[in-house]
PDB file of N, CA and C in Angstrom:
ATOM      1  N   MET A   1     105.489 117.138  99.707  1.00  0.00           N
ATOM      2  CA  MET A   1     105.698 115.758  99.351  1.00  0.00           C
ATOM      3  C   MET A   1     107.199 115.476  99.406  1.00  0.00           C
ATOM      4  N   LYS A   2     107.553 114.394 100.019  1.00  0.00           N
ATOM      5  CA  LYS A   2     108.958 114.027 100.128  1.00  0.00           C
ATOM      6  C   LYS A   2     109.460 113.481  98.798  1.00  0.00           C
ATOM      7  N   ALA A   3     110.724 113.702  98.532  1.00  0.00           N
ATOM      8  CA  ALA A   3     111.300 113.317  97.244  1.00  0.00           C
ATOM      9  C   ALA A   3     111.171 111.821  96.961  1.00  0.00           C
ATOM     10  N   PRO A   4     111.534 110.923  97.884  1.00  0.00           N
ATOM     11  CA  PRO A   4     111.386 109.500  97.564  1.00  0.00           C
ATOM     12  C   PRO A   4     109.926 109.109  97.317  1.00  0.00           C
ATOM     13  N   GLU A   5     109.018 109.791  97.991  1.00  0.00           N
ATOM     14  CA  GLU A   5     107.601 109.500  97.808  1.00  0.00           C
ATOM     15  C   GLU A   5     107.160 109.809  96.375  1.00  0.00           C
ATOM     16  N   ILE A   6     107.640 110.900  95.818  1.00  0.00           N
ATOM     17  CA  ILE A   6     107.253 111.249  94.452  1.00  0.00           C
ATOM     18  C   ILE A   6     107.828 110.253  93.457  1.00  0.00           C
ATOM     19  N   LYS A   7     109.030 109.776  93.718  1.00  0.00           N
ATOM     20  CA  LYS A   7     109.624 108.769  92.836  1.00  0.00           C
ATOM     21  C   LYS A   7     108.768 107.505  92.832  1.00  0.00           C
ATOM     22  N   LEU A   8     108.284 107.108  93.993  1.00  0.00           N
ATOM     23  CA  LEU A   8     107.407 105.941  94.079  1.00  0.00           C
ATOM     24  C   LEU A   8     106.088 106.171  93.350  1.00  0.00           C
ATOM     25  N   LYS A   9     105.572 107.392  93.430  1.00  0.00           N
ATOM     26  CA  LYS A   9     104.321 107.703  92.723  1.00  0.00           C
ATOM     27  C   LYS A   9     104.504 107.609  91.210  1.00  0.00           C
ATOM     28  N   VAL A  10     105.643 108.093  90.718  1.00  0.00           N
ATOM     29  CA  VAL A  10     105.902 108.021  89.275  1.00  0.00           C
ATOM     30  C   VAL A  10     106.088 106.564  88.855  1.00  0.00           C
ATOM     31  N   LEU A  11     106.814 105.808  89.646  1.00  0.00           N
ATOM     32  CA  LEU A  11     106.990 104.381  89.334  1.00  0.00           C
ATOM     33  C   LEU A  11     105.644 103.665  89.329  1.00  0.00           C
ATOM     34  N   ASP A  12     104.780 104.010  90.290  1.00  0.00           N
ATOM     35  CA  ASP A  12     103.454 103.405  90.352  1.00  0.00           C
ATOM     36  C   ASP A  12     102.596 103.824  89.155  1.00  0.00           C
ATOM     37  N   ALA A  13     102.686 105.092  88.781  1.00  0.00           N
ATOM     38  CA  ALA A  13     101.888 105.592  87.655  1.00  0.00           C
ATOM     39  C   ALA A  13     102.324 104.983  86.332  1.00  0.00           C
ATOM     40  N   THR A  14     103.574 104.551  86.253  1.00  0.00           N
ATOM     41  CA  THR A  14     104.095 104.005  85.001  1.00  0.00           C
ATOM     42  C   THR A  14     104.429 102.524  85.137  1.00  0.00           C
ATOM     43  N   ASP A  15     103.725 101.824  86.033  1.00  0.00           N
ATOM     44  CA  ASP A  15     103.999 100.402  86.207  1.00  0.00           C
ATOM     45  C   ASP A  15     103.378  99.583  85.077  1.00  0.00           C
ATOM     46  N   ASN A  16     103.477  98.276  85.171  1.00  0.00           N
ATOM     47  CA  ASN A  16     103.054  97.403  84.076  1.00  0.00           C
ATOM     48  C   ASN A  16     101.604  96.945  84.187  1.00  0.00           C
ATOM     49  N   VAL A  17     100.818  97.547  85.068  1.00  0.00           N
ATOM     50  CA  VAL A  17      99.400  97.223  85.187  1.00  0.00           C
ATOM     51  C   VAL A  17      98.673  97.850  83.997  1.00  0.00           C
ATOM     52  N   PRO A  18      97.828  97.087  83.304  1.00  0.00           N
ATOM     53  CA  PRO A  18      97.212  97.593  82.064  1.00  0.00           C
ATOM     54  C   PRO A  18      96.072  98.587  82.264  1.00  0.00           C
ATOM     55  N   CYS A  19      96.336  99.686  82.926  1.00  0.00           N
ATOM     56  CA  CYS A  19      95.364 100.774  83.026  1.00  0.00           C
ATOM     57  C   CYS A  19      96.142 102.082  83.100  1.00  0.00           C
ATOM     58  N   VAL A  20      95.506 103.157  82.702  1.00  0.00           N
ATOM     59  CA  VAL A  20      96.193 104.451  82.707  1.00  0.00           C
ATOM     60  C   VAL A  20      96.331 104.951  84.142  1.00  0.00           C
ATOM     61  N   PRO A  21      97.294 105.831  84.391  1.00  0.00           N
ATOM     62  CA  PRO A  21      97.477 106.362  85.745  1.00  0.00           C
ATOM     63  C   PRO A  21      96.229 107.096  86.230  1.00  0.00           C
ATOM     64  N   HIS A  22      95.968 106.999  87.518  1.00  0.00           N
ATOM     65  CA  HIS A  22      94.821 107.660  88.126  1.00  0.00           C
ATOM     66  C   HIS A  22      95.008 109.171  88.059  1.00  0.00           C
ATOM     67  N   GLY A  23      93.933 109.897  87.880  1.00  0.00           N
ATOM     68  CA  GLY A  23      93.992 111.349  87.759  1.00  0.00           C
ATOM     69  C   GLY A  23      94.591 112.040  88.967  1.00  0.00           C
ATOM     70  N   THR A  24      94.293 111.529  90.161  1.00  0.00           N
ATOM     71  CA  THR A  24      94.843 112.114  91.375  1.00  0.00           C
ATOM     72  C   THR A  24      96.358 111.954  91.415  1.00  0.00           C
ATOM     73  N   THR A  25      96.824 110.779  91.062  1.00  0.00           N
ATOM     74  CA  THR A  25      98.263 110.521  91.039  1.00  0.00           C
ATOM     75  C   THR A  25      98.942 111.418  90.017  1.00  0.00           C
ATOM     76  N   SER A  26      98.345 111.534  88.848  1.00  0.00           N
ATOM     77  CA  SER A  26      98.912 112.396  87.809  1.00  0.00           C
ATOM     78  C   SER A  26      98.966 113.848  88.269  1.00  0.00           C
ATOM     79  N   ALA A  27      97.939 114.295  88.957  1.00  0.00           N
ATOM     80  CA  ALA A  27      97.912 115.672  89.459  1.00  0.00           C
ATOM     81  C   ALA A  27      99.000 115.895  90.511  1.00  0.00           C
ATOM     82  N   GLU A  28      99.223 114.910  91.375  1.00  0.00           N
ATOM     83  CA  GLU A  28     100.274 115.023  92.387  1.00  0.00           C
ATOM     84  C   GLU A  28     101.658 115.063  91.737  1.00  0.00           C
ATOM     85  N   ILE A  29     101.838 114.267  90.699  1.00  0.00           N
ATOM     86  CA  ILE A  29     103.115 114.274  89.979  1.00  0.00           C
ATOM     87  C   ILE A  29     103.313 115.631  89.305  1.00  0.00           C
ATOM     88  N   ALA A  30     102.267 116.148  88.680  1.00  0.00           N
ATOM     89  CA  ALA A  30     102.362 117.446  88.017  1.00  0.00           C
ATOM     90  C   ALA A  30     102.700 118.548  89.020  1.00  0.00           C
ATOM     91  N   GLN A  31     102.103 118.497  90.190  1.00  0.00           N
ATOM     92  CA  GLN A  31     102.380 119.495  91.225  1.00  0.00           C
ATOM     93  C   GLN A  31     103.825 119.389  91.704  1.00  0.00           C
ATOM     94  N   ALA A  32     104.334 118.169  91.804  1.00  0.00           N
ATOM     95  CA  ALA A  32     105.708 117.960  92.268  1.00  0.00           C
ATOM     96  C   ALA A  32     106.730 118.507  91.278  1.00  0.00           C
ATOM     97  N   THR A  33     106.380 118.562  90.008  1.00  0.00           N
ATOM     98  CA  THR A  33     107.338 119.062  89.012  1.00  0.00           C
ATOM     99  C   THR A  33     107.567 120.566  89.137  1.00  0.00           C
ATOM    100  N   LYS A  34     106.825 121.222  89.990  1.00  0.00           N
ATOM    101  CA  LYS A  34     107.032 122.655  90.227  1.00  0.00           C
ATOM    102  C   LYS A  34     108.271 122.901  91.099  1.00  0.00           C
ATOM    103  N   LYS A  35     108.733 121.843  91.782  1.00  0.00           N
ATOM    104  CA  LYS A  35     109.920 121.937  92.639  1.00  0.00           C
ATOM    105  C   LYS A  35     111.096 121.300  91.915  1.00  0.00           C
ATOM    106  N   PHE A  36     112.220 121.972  91.918  1.00  0.00           N
ATOM    107  CA  PHE A  36     113.372 121.580  91.105  1.00  0.00           C
ATOM    108  C   PHE A  36     113.837 120.149  91.361  1.00  0.00           C
ATOM    109  N   ILE A  37     114.092 119.790  92.596  1.00  0.00           N
ATOM    110  CA  ILE A  37     114.641 118.458  92.901  1.00  0.00           C
ATOM    111  C   ILE A  37     113.626 117.365  92.582  1.00  0.00           C
ATOM    112  N   GLU A  38     112.379 117.597  92.938  1.00  0.00           N
ATOM    113  CA  GLU A  38     111.350 116.605  92.648  1.00  0.00           C
ATOM    114  C   GLU A  38     111.128 116.481  91.140  1.00  0.00           C
ATOM    115  N   CYS A  39     111.237 117.574  90.432  1.00  0.00           N
ATOM    116  CA  CYS A  39     111.111 117.536  88.973  1.00  0.00           C
ATOM    117  C   CYS A  39     112.210 116.677  88.369  1.00  0.00           C
ATOM    118  N   GLN A  40     113.427 116.812  88.880  1.00  0.00           N
ATOM    119  CA  GLN A  40     114.528 115.985  88.393  1.00  0.00           C
ATOM    120  C   GLN A  40     114.253 114.505  88.630  1.00  0.00           C
ATOM    121  N   MET A  41     113.697 114.172  89.784  1.00  0.00           N
ATOM    122  CA  MET A  41     113.384 112.770  90.078  1.00  0.00           C
ATOM    123  C   MET A  41     112.297 112.244  89.147  1.00  0.00           C
ATOM    124  N   VAL A  42     111.272 113.047  88.926  1.00  0.00           N
ATOM    125  CA  VAL A  42     110.183 112.643  88.035  1.00  0.00           C
ATOM    126  C   VAL A  42     110.729 112.402  86.626  1.00  0.00           C
ATOM    127  N   MET A  43     111.499 113.341  86.124  1.00  0.00           N
ATOM    128  CA  MET A  43     112.033 113.223  84.770  1.00  0.00           C
ATOM    129  C   MET A  43     113.007 112.053  84.637  1.00  0.00           C
ATOM    130  N   SER A  44     113.742 111.764  85.687  1.00  0.00           N
ATOM    131  CA  SER A  44     114.665 110.635  85.673  1.00  0.00           C
ATOM    132  C   SER A  44     113.912 109.323  85.483  1.00  0.00           C
ATOM    133  N   VAL A  45     112.835 109.146  86.233  1.00  0.00           N
ATOM    134  CA  VAL A  45     112.039 107.919  86.108  1.00  0.00           C
ATOM    135  C   VAL A  45     111.395 107.847  84.723  1.00  0.00           C
ATOM    136  N   LEU A  46     110.847 108.966  84.258  1.00  0.00           N
ATOM    137  CA  LEU A  46     110.191 108.960  82.951  1.00  0.00           C
ATOM    138  C   LEU A  46     111.176 108.656  81.822  1.00  0.00           C
ATOM    139  N   CYS A  47     112.380 109.181  81.912  1.00  0.00           N
ATOM    140  CA  CYS A  47     113.394 108.897  80.885  1.00  0.00           C
ATOM    141  C   CYS A  47     113.783 107.426  80.881  1.00  0.00           C
ATOM    142  N   LYS A  48     113.878 106.831  82.059  1.00  0.00           N
ATOM    143  CA  LYS A  48     114.201 105.399  82.138  1.00  0.00           C
ATOM    144  C   LYS A  48     113.093 104.567  81.507  1.00  0.00           C
ATOM    145  N   ARG A  49     111.848 104.969  81.735  1.00  0.00           N
ATOM    146  CA  ARG A  49     110.711 104.226  81.168  1.00  0.00           C
ATOM    147  C   ARG A  49     110.704 104.311  79.634  1.00  0.00           C
ATOM    148  N   LEU A  50     111.157 105.403  79.085  1.00  0.00           N
ATOM    149  CA  LEU A  50     111.191 105.538  77.622  1.00  0.00           C
ATOM    150  C   LEU A  50     112.161 104.555  76.980  1.00  0.00           C
ATOM    151  N   GLY A  51     113.169 104.127  77.717  1.00  0.00           N
ATOM    152  CA  GLY A  51     114.171 103.212  77.176  1.00  0.00           C
ATOM    153  C   GLY A  51     113.784 101.746  77.237  1.00  0.00           C
ATOM    154  N   VAL A  52     112.601 101.444  77.753  1.00  0.00           N
ATOM    155  CA  VAL A  52     112.164 100.055  77.892  1.00  0.00           C
ATOM    156  C   VAL A  52     111.828  99.463  76.521  1.00  0.00           C
ATOM    157  N   THR A  53     112.227  98.228  76.309  1.00  0.00           N
ATOM    158  CA  THR A  53     111.918  97.540  75.053  1.00  0.00           C
ATOM    159  C   THR A  53     111.331  96.163  75.350  1.00  0.00           C
ATOM    160  N   GLY A  54     110.918  95.482  74.313  1.00  0.00           N
ATOM    161  CA  GLY A  54     110.442  94.112  74.459  1.00  0.00           C
ATOM    162  C   GLY A  54     109.036  94.016  75.009  1.00  0.00           C
ATOM    163  N   LYS A  55     108.848  93.076  75.921  1.00  0.00           N
ATOM    164  CA  LYS A  55     107.514  92.764  76.430  1.00  0.00           C
ATOM    165  C   LYS A  55     106.939  93.838  77.345  1.00  0.00           C
ATOM    166  N   ASP A  56     107.760  94.782  77.784  1.00  0.00           N
ATOM    167  CA  ASP A  56     107.297  95.812  78.706  1.00  0.00           C
ATOM    168  C   ASP A  56     106.966  97.132  78.017  1.00  0.00           C
ATOM    169  N   LEU A  57     106.507  97.084  76.789  1.00  0.00           N
ATOM    170  CA  LEU A  57     106.186  98.319  76.076  1.00  0.00           C
ATOM    171  C   LEU A  57     105.019  99.080  76.706  1.00  0.00           C
ATOM    172  N   HIS A  58     104.247  98.391  77.523  1.00  0.00           N
ATOM    173  CA  HIS A  58     103.154  99.076  78.212  1.00  0.00           C
ATOM    174  C   HIS A  58     103.702 100.154  79.139  1.00  0.00           C
ATOM    175  N   LEU A  59     104.914  99.948  79.668  1.00  0.00           N
ATOM    176  CA  LEU A  59     105.557 100.964  80.510  1.00  0.00           C
ATOM    177  C   LEU A  59     105.794 102.239  79.708  1.00  0.00           C
ATOM    178  N   VAL A  60     106.191 102.086  78.455  1.00  0.00           N
ATOM    179  CA  VAL A  60     106.438 103.246  77.588  1.00  0.00           C
ATOM    180  C   VAL A  60     105.131 103.985  77.327  1.00  0.00           C
ATOM    181  N   TYR A  61     104.070 103.231  77.064  1.00  0.00           N
ATOM    182  CA  TYR A  61     102.770 103.852  76.825  1.00  0.00           C
ATOM    183  C   TYR A  61     102.328 104.676  78.037  1.00  0.00           C
ATOM    184  N   LYS A  62     102.450 104.082  79.232  1.00  0.00           N
ATOM    185  CA  LYS A  62     102.032 104.802  80.434  1.00  0.00           C
ATOM    186  C   LYS A  62     102.930 106.003  80.706  1.00  0.00           C
ATOM    187  N   GLU A  63     104.200 105.892  80.342  1.00  0.00           N
ATOM    188  CA  GLU A  63     105.105 107.035  80.482  1.00  0.00           C
ATOM    189  C   GLU A  63     104.653 108.156  79.578  1.00  0.00           C
ATOM    190  N   LEU A  64     104.273 107.827  78.348  1.00  0.00           N
ATOM    191  CA  LEU A  64     103.822 108.846  77.408  1.00  0.00           C
ATOM    192  C   LEU A  64     102.511 109.496  77.861  1.00  0.00           C
ATOM    193  N   VAL A  65     101.609 108.706  78.435  1.00  0.00           N
ATOM    194  CA  VAL A  65     100.364 109.249  78.980  1.00  0.00           C
ATOM    195  C   VAL A  65     100.671 110.216  80.114  1.00  0.00           C
ATOM    196  N   THR A  66     101.594 109.829  80.991  1.00  0.00           N
ATOM    197  CA  THR A  66     101.989 110.690  82.110  1.00  0.00           C
ATOM    198  C   THR A  66     102.639 111.975  81.610  1.00  0.00           C
ATOM    199  N   THR A  67     103.532 111.846  80.625  1.00  0.00           N
ATOM    200  CA  THR A  67     104.213 113.020  80.054  1.00  0.00           C
ATOM    201  C   THR A  67     103.189 113.960  79.405  1.00  0.00           C
ATOM    202  N   GLU A  68     102.225 113.396  78.706  1.00  0.00           N
ATOM    203  CA  GLU A  68     101.185 114.227  78.087  1.00  0.00           C
ATOM    204  C   GLU A  68     100.416 114.998  79.154  1.00  0.00           C
ATOM    205  N   TYR A  69     100.098 114.351  80.255  1.00  0.00           N
ATOM    206  CA  TYR A  69      99.394 115.027  81.353  1.00  0.00           C
ATOM    207  C   TYR A  69     100.238 116.157  81.925  1.00  0.00           C
ATOM    208  N   LEU A  70     101.536 115.883  82.103  1.00  0.00           N
ATOM    209  CA  LEU A  70     102.431 116.914  82.651  1.00  0.00           C
ATOM    210  C   LEU A  70     102.513 118.122  81.724  1.00  0.00           C
ATOM    211  N   MET A  71     102.541 117.877  80.444  1.00  0.00           N
ATOM    212  CA  MET A  71     102.616 118.982  79.491  1.00  0.00           C
ATOM    213  C   MET A  71     101.335 119.802  79.472  1.00  0.00           C
ATOM    214  N   ALA A  72     100.212 119.139  79.655  1.00  0.00           N
ATOM    215  CA  ALA A  72      98.923 119.831  79.633  1.00  0.00           C
ATOM    216  C   ALA A  72      98.637 120.578  80.939  1.00  0.00           C
ATOM    217  N   ASN A  73      99.290 120.142  82.005  1.00  0.00           N
ATOM    218  CA  ASN A  73      98.991 120.757  83.305  1.00  0.00           C
ATOM    219  C   ASN A  73     100.230 121.379  83.865  1.00  0.00           C
TER     220      ASN A  73
END
């Protein structure tokens, strides 16, 4: 998986659409974290999502769901 592609997948998994990330997408993100550079990109996006405030709190929720999946897998 190319590095920019994984960044787009993480952004898509943690977007503002009111549904949890798809299992396939979460699995691809988890697999990408096995590679150092891709892991840095994934963590960078997730850290940015944690800093969101106001009306976009759904982004934080989806980030936490994604992080929980990464920790479990």
